[in-house]
Protein backbone atom coordinates (compact mmCIF):
# COMPACT_ATOMS: atom_id res chain seq x y z
CA UNK A 1 -2.69 -39.30 -29.73
CA UNK A 2 0.63 -38.19 -31.30
CA UNK A 3 3.52 -37.38 -28.97
CA UNK A 4 4.34 -34.35 -31.13
CA UNK A 5 1.67 -32.36 -33.14
CA UNK A 6 2.80 -29.31 -35.06
CA UNK A 7 -0.04 -27.26 -36.57
CA UNK A 8 0.50 -24.38 -39.08
CA UNK A 9 3.56 -23.48 -37.46
CA UNK A 10 4.95 -20.14 -38.80
CA UNK A 11 8.03 -18.22 -37.62
CA UNK A 12 8.95 -14.84 -38.99
CA UNK A 13 12.01 -12.79 -38.05
CA UNK A 14 10.80 -9.01 -38.53
CA UNK A 15 9.84 -8.14 -42.01
CA UNK A 16 11.99 -10.76 -43.61
CA UNK A 17 10.85 -13.80 -45.43
CA UNK A 18 9.23 -16.51 -43.09
CA UNK A 19 11.76 -19.15 -41.79
CA UNK A 20 8.92 -21.42 -41.28
CA UNK A 21 5.71 -21.15 -43.27
CA UNK A 22 2.56 -23.09 -41.98
CA UNK A 23 4.31 -26.22 -41.38
CA UNK A 24 1.92 -29.22 -40.05
CA UNK A 25 2.95 -32.71 -39.19
CA UNK A 26 2.64 -35.09 -36.29
CA UNK A 27 5.16 -37.72 -34.74
CA UNK A 28 4.23 -40.88 -32.93
CA UNK A 29 5.81 -42.11 -29.86
CA UNK A 30 8.83 -44.42 -30.78
CA UNK A 31 9.43 -43.08 -34.14
CA UNK A 32 12.85 -42.20 -35.80
CA UNK A 33 12.29 -39.20 -38.03
CA UNK A 34 15.02 -37.28 -40.12
CA UNK A 35 14.44 -33.92 -41.22
CA UNK A 36 16.45 -33.12 -44.53
CA UNK A 37 16.95 -29.84 -46.41
CA UNK A 38 19.63 -27.33 -47.44
CA UNK A 39 21.17 -24.72 -45.16
CA UNK A 40 18.67 -21.93 -44.45
CA UNK A 41 15.66 -24.37 -45.05
CA UNK A 42 14.34 -23.75 -41.51
CA UNK A 43 15.37 -27.03 -39.97
CA UNK A 44 17.13 -25.54 -36.93
CA UNK A 45 14.35 -23.04 -36.38
CA UNK A 46 11.90 -25.79 -36.37
CA UNK A 47 13.54 -27.71 -33.56
CA UNK A 48 13.88 -24.58 -31.65
CA UNK A 49 10.29 -23.69 -31.85
CA UNK A 50 9.33 -27.26 -30.58
CA UNK A 51 11.07 -26.66 -27.30
CA UNK A 52 10.59 -22.92 -27.09
CA UNK A 53 14.13 -21.81 -27.56
CA UNK A 54 12.40 -19.49 -29.84
CA UNK A 55 8.88 -18.24 -29.82
CA UNK A 56 6.38 -19.07 -32.56
CA UNK A 57 4.86 -16.33 -34.72
CA UNK A 58 1.73 -18.17 -35.10
CA UNK A 59 0.33 -21.76 -35.14
CA UNK A 60 0.64 -24.56 -32.28
CA UNK A 61 3.09 -26.98 -31.15
CA UNK A 62 1.45 -29.78 -28.78
CA UNK A 63 3.85 -32.14 -26.97
CA UNK A 64 2.09 -35.05 -25.00
CA UNK A 65 -1.16 -33.08 -25.41
CA UNK A 66 0.29 -29.79 -23.95
CA UNK A 67 0.35 -26.65 -26.05
CA UNK A 68 4.09 -25.56 -25.65
CA UNK A 69 3.61 -21.79 -26.54
CA UNK A 70 1.17 -21.37 -23.72
CA UNK A 71 3.84 -22.57 -21.15
CA UNK A 72 5.70 -19.90 -18.87
CA UNK A 73 8.31 -20.17 -16.00
CA UNK A 74 8.43 -23.52 -14.18
CA UNK A 75 5.74 -25.08 -16.40
CA UNK A 76 8.08 -24.50 -19.43
CA UNK A 77 11.10 -25.94 -17.60
CA UNK A 78 9.12 -28.93 -16.63
CA UNK A 79 8.05 -29.50 -20.20
CA UNK A 80 11.75 -29.22 -21.47
CA UNK A 81 12.77 -31.99 -19.22
CA UNK A 82 10.82 -34.25 -21.44
CA UNK A 83 12.52 -33.10 -24.50
CA UNK A 84 16.31 -33.61 -24.58
CA UNK A 85 18.24 -31.40 -27.18
CA UNK A 86 21.51 -32.37 -28.77
CA UNK A 87 23.35 -29.55 -30.65
CA UNK A 88 25.79 -29.41 -33.48
CA UNK A 89 28.48 -27.74 -31.62
CA UNK A 90 27.85 -29.76 -28.36
CA UNK A 91 26.80 -26.74 -26.16
CA UNK A 92 29.18 -27.97 -23.39
CA UNK A 93 31.11 -26.03 -20.70
CA UNK A 94 34.62 -26.89 -21.67
CA UNK A 95 36.22 -25.95 -18.30
CA UNK A 96 33.92 -28.44 -16.38
CA UNK A 97 34.22 -32.26 -16.20
CA UNK A 98 32.30 -34.75 -18.29
CA UNK A 99 30.38 -35.74 -15.41
CA UNK A 100 29.45 -31.99 -14.38
CA UNK A 101 28.25 -31.27 -17.92
CA UNK A 102 26.15 -34.41 -18.00
CA UNK A 103 24.43 -33.44 -14.54
CA UNK A 104 23.45 -30.20 -16.23
CA UNK A 105 20.69 -32.15 -17.72
CA UNK A 106 19.03 -32.44 -14.35
CA UNK A 107 18.69 -28.54 -13.86
CA UNK A 108 15.20 -28.66 -15.06
CA UNK A 109 14.25 -30.51 -12.08
CA UNK A 110 16.10 -28.01 -9.66
CA UNK A 111 14.96 -24.85 -7.97
CA UNK A 112 17.22 -21.64 -8.44
CA UNK A 113 19.30 -22.21 -5.30
CA UNK A 114 19.87 -25.90 -6.05
CA UNK A 115 20.89 -25.15 -9.71
CA UNK A 116 23.18 -22.26 -8.84
CA UNK A 117 24.95 -24.63 -6.30
CA UNK A 118 25.06 -27.49 -8.28
CA UNK A 119 23.30 -29.69 -5.69
CA UNK A 120 22.73 -33.07 -7.19
CA UNK A 121 21.80 -36.31 -5.26
CA UNK A 122 23.79 -39.41 -5.23
CA UNK A 123 21.03 -41.21 -7.24
CA UNK A 124 21.49 -38.48 -10.03
CA UNK A 125 25.17 -38.88 -9.92
CA UNK A 126 25.17 -42.58 -10.16
CA UNK A 127 22.71 -42.44 -13.06
CA UNK A 128 24.87 -39.98 -14.90
CA UNK A 129 27.84 -42.16 -14.50
CA UNK A 130 25.84 -45.36 -15.58
CA UNK A 131 24.82 -43.49 -18.82
CA UNK A 132 28.32 -42.17 -19.60
CA UNK A 133 29.53 -45.82 -19.14
CA UNK A 134 26.92 -47.11 -21.43
CA UNK A 135 28.06 -44.61 -24.14
CA UNK A 136 31.59 -45.72 -23.75
CA UNK A 137 32.77 -42.86 -21.90
CA UNK A 138 33.71 -44.45 -18.49
CA UNK A 139 37.31 -43.44 -18.80
CA UNK A 140 36.63 -39.82 -19.50
CA UNK A 141 34.10 -39.10 -16.61
CA UNK A 142 36.40 -36.70 -14.67
CA UNK A 143 38.27 -35.25 -17.62
CA UNK A 144 37.65 -31.67 -18.79
CA UNK A 145 35.30 -31.54 -21.77
CA UNK A 146 38.04 -29.43 -23.73
CA UNK A 147 40.14 -32.63 -23.60
CA UNK A 148 37.84 -34.61 -25.60
CA UNK A 149 37.46 -35.33 -29.33
CA UNK A 150 34.38 -34.10 -31.29
CA UNK A 151 32.76 -37.43 -31.19
CA UNK A 152 33.25 -37.88 -27.46
CA UNK A 153 31.90 -34.50 -26.97
CA UNK A 154 28.80 -35.25 -28.77
CA UNK A 155 28.33 -38.49 -26.68
CA UNK A 156 28.55 -36.20 -23.63
CA UNK A 157 25.79 -34.08 -25.05
CA UNK A 158 23.61 -37.29 -25.64
CA UNK A 159 24.35 -38.38 -22.09
CA UNK A 160 23.18 -34.89 -20.78
CA UNK A 161 20.09 -35.24 -22.80
CA UNK A 162 19.27 -38.76 -21.57
CA UNK A 163 19.85 -38.14 -17.80
CA UNK A 164 16.70 -35.81 -18.21
CA UNK A 165 14.69 -39.03 -18.79
CA UNK A 166 13.20 -37.46 -21.84
CA UNK A 167 10.41 -38.71 -24.00
CA UNK A 168 11.98 -37.32 -27.14
CA UNK A 169 15.32 -36.19 -28.49
CA UNK A 170 15.69 -33.35 -30.64
CA UNK A 171 19.07 -33.50 -32.58
CA UNK A 172 20.20 -30.45 -34.57
CA UNK A 173 22.78 -31.50 -37.01
CA UNK A 174 24.53 -33.80 -34.52
CA UNK A 175 27.00 -35.12 -37.05
CA UNK A 176 27.71 -32.19 -39.25
CA UNK A 177 31.09 -31.24 -37.42
CA UNK A 178 32.38 -34.92 -37.09
CA UNK A 179 34.45 -37.18 -39.26
CA UNK A 180 32.80 -40.21 -40.86
CA UNK A 181 33.66 -42.67 -38.29
CA UNK A 182 32.70 -40.51 -35.47
CA UNK A 183 29.42 -39.71 -37.24
CA UNK A 184 28.49 -43.33 -37.64
CA UNK A 185 29.18 -43.84 -33.88
CA UNK A 186 26.58 -41.16 -33.05
CA UNK A 187 24.05 -42.20 -35.57
CA UNK A 188 24.38 -45.82 -34.40
CA UNK A 189 23.92 -44.54 -30.77
CA UNK A 190 20.78 -42.50 -31.47
CA UNK A 191 19.36 -45.59 -33.26
CA UNK A 192 20.00 -47.79 -30.28
CA UNK A 193 18.47 -45.26 -27.84
CA UNK A 194 15.43 -45.25 -30.07
CA UNK A 195 15.10 -49.06 -30.37
CA UNK A 196 16.25 -50.11 -26.92
CA UNK A 197 14.90 -47.29 -24.86
CA UNK A 198 11.76 -46.50 -26.92
CA UNK A 199 12.78 -42.72 -27.05
CA UNK A 200 11.42 -40.79 -30.05
CA UNK A 201 14.22 -39.22 -32.05
CA UNK A 202 13.75 -36.15 -34.35
CA UNK A 203 16.97 -35.51 -36.13
CA UNK A 204 18.02 -32.62 -38.53
CA UNK A 205 20.39 -33.75 -41.26
CA UNK A 206 22.14 -32.41 -44.34
CA UNK A 207 23.16 -35.92 -45.54
CA UNK A 208 20.48 -37.86 -47.59
CA UNK A 209 22.39 -41.14 -47.37
CA UNK A 210 22.43 -40.88 -43.54
CA UNK A 211 18.75 -40.19 -43.47
CA UNK A 212 18.03 -43.17 -45.81
CA UNK A 213 20.31 -45.45 -43.71
CA UNK A 214 18.89 -44.76 -40.30
CA UNK A 215 15.36 -43.02 -40.40
CA UNK A 216 11.91 -44.61 -40.41
CA UNK A 217 10.57 -41.47 -41.87
CA UNK A 218 11.80 -38.58 -43.60
CA UNK A 219 10.46 -35.05 -43.65
CA UNK A 220 11.87 -32.82 -46.41
CA UNK A 221 11.92 -29.08 -46.10
CA UNK A 222 12.85 -26.15 -48.20
CA UNK A 223 12.20 -22.44 -47.72
CA UNK A 224 10.36 -23.03 -44.49
CA UNK A 225 7.87 -25.55 -46.16
CA UNK A 226 7.39 -29.16 -46.05
CA UNK A 227 8.14 -30.84 -49.49
CA UNK A 228 8.26 -34.36 -48.52
CA UNK A 229 6.89 -36.58 -45.74
CA UNK A 230 6.94 -40.27 -45.78
CA UNK A 231 8.97 -43.34 -45.48
CA UNK A 232 12.50 -43.45 -47.30
CA UNK A 233 11.26 -45.82 -50.01
CA UNK A 234 8.84 -43.03 -51.40
CA UNK A 235 11.51 -40.48 -51.60
CA UNK A 236 11.77 -39.80 -55.37
CA UNK A 237 13.81 -37.85 -57.78
CA UNK A 238 11.21 -35.21 -58.05
CA UNK A 239 11.09 -34.66 -54.35
CA UNK A 240 14.89 -34.49 -53.82
CA UNK A 241 15.19 -31.91 -56.62
CA UNK A 242 12.64 -29.75 -54.83
CA UNK A 243 14.48 -30.07 -51.55
CA UNK A 244 17.86 -29.67 -52.80
CA UNK A 245 17.99 -28.59 -56.39
CA UNK A 246 18.24 -30.19 -59.64
CA UNK A 247 21.82 -31.31 -59.40
CA UNK A 248 21.08 -33.45 -56.40
CA UNK A 249 18.22 -35.42 -58.03
CA UNK A 250 20.24 -38.37 -59.57
CA UNK A 251 21.76 -39.05 -56.13
CA UNK A 252 18.95 -40.67 -54.68
CA UNK A 253 19.08 -43.79 -56.96
CA UNK A 254 22.67 -44.72 -56.16
CA UNK A 255 21.99 -44.19 -52.51
CA UNK A 256 19.04 -46.64 -52.56
CA UNK A 257 21.17 -49.19 -54.04
CA UNK A 258 23.83 -48.76 -51.33
CA UNK A 259 21.06 -49.07 -48.57
CA UNK A 260 18.85 -51.63 -50.28
CA UNK A 261 15.76 -49.30 -49.85
């Protein structure tokens, strides 16, 4: 059974055009999948439907055999602990320390009183420190997050997701706000998490070259529909033109040469 199954997923906002239109695909445990497409294609909406940050209009999302749209309250919070979310703009509390932000990843395991008071066990704190050190942030543990660079903030976001002990990471444009060197560090980190920890990664990207370099599988979307779904080697000029427009079509061949695909 697939870890994630999406069946005829549709999301509409009022009377406007559909953000997602009858999307269906499945992801196996351990895959590294990149979703590519232009701005407004529906990539971010898709990720937010998977973990119910937004509700579906119709269709179904099944994670580890459980229908996510049917979940409410505590059941939904428990389900979300299995799906770590990494955001383009980090979604950190800047006035809090790095360690405090990472521990927020444990809130799904807490009751209301524990969450409000920030009651974490010594085991949870030690694990948060261990993860931060493994991501090269050992010296930043007690710094406020507003003192960090963009790349460091994104690694804090990854640590916050990892402390949940998730089965999957959903990464929404995690390198869009970063310089090339920081972007490479983040993508290398996600690849290592996938390969060494066997955590499934689903990442939204604008950059076709990055998707070709890191993903085992690429899903191309435009106007809320899947245009392409397959390994990088099968992504052809025709599909890239359908995803991004005619001016982008020739790009794929030079990228293939660069990454020996």
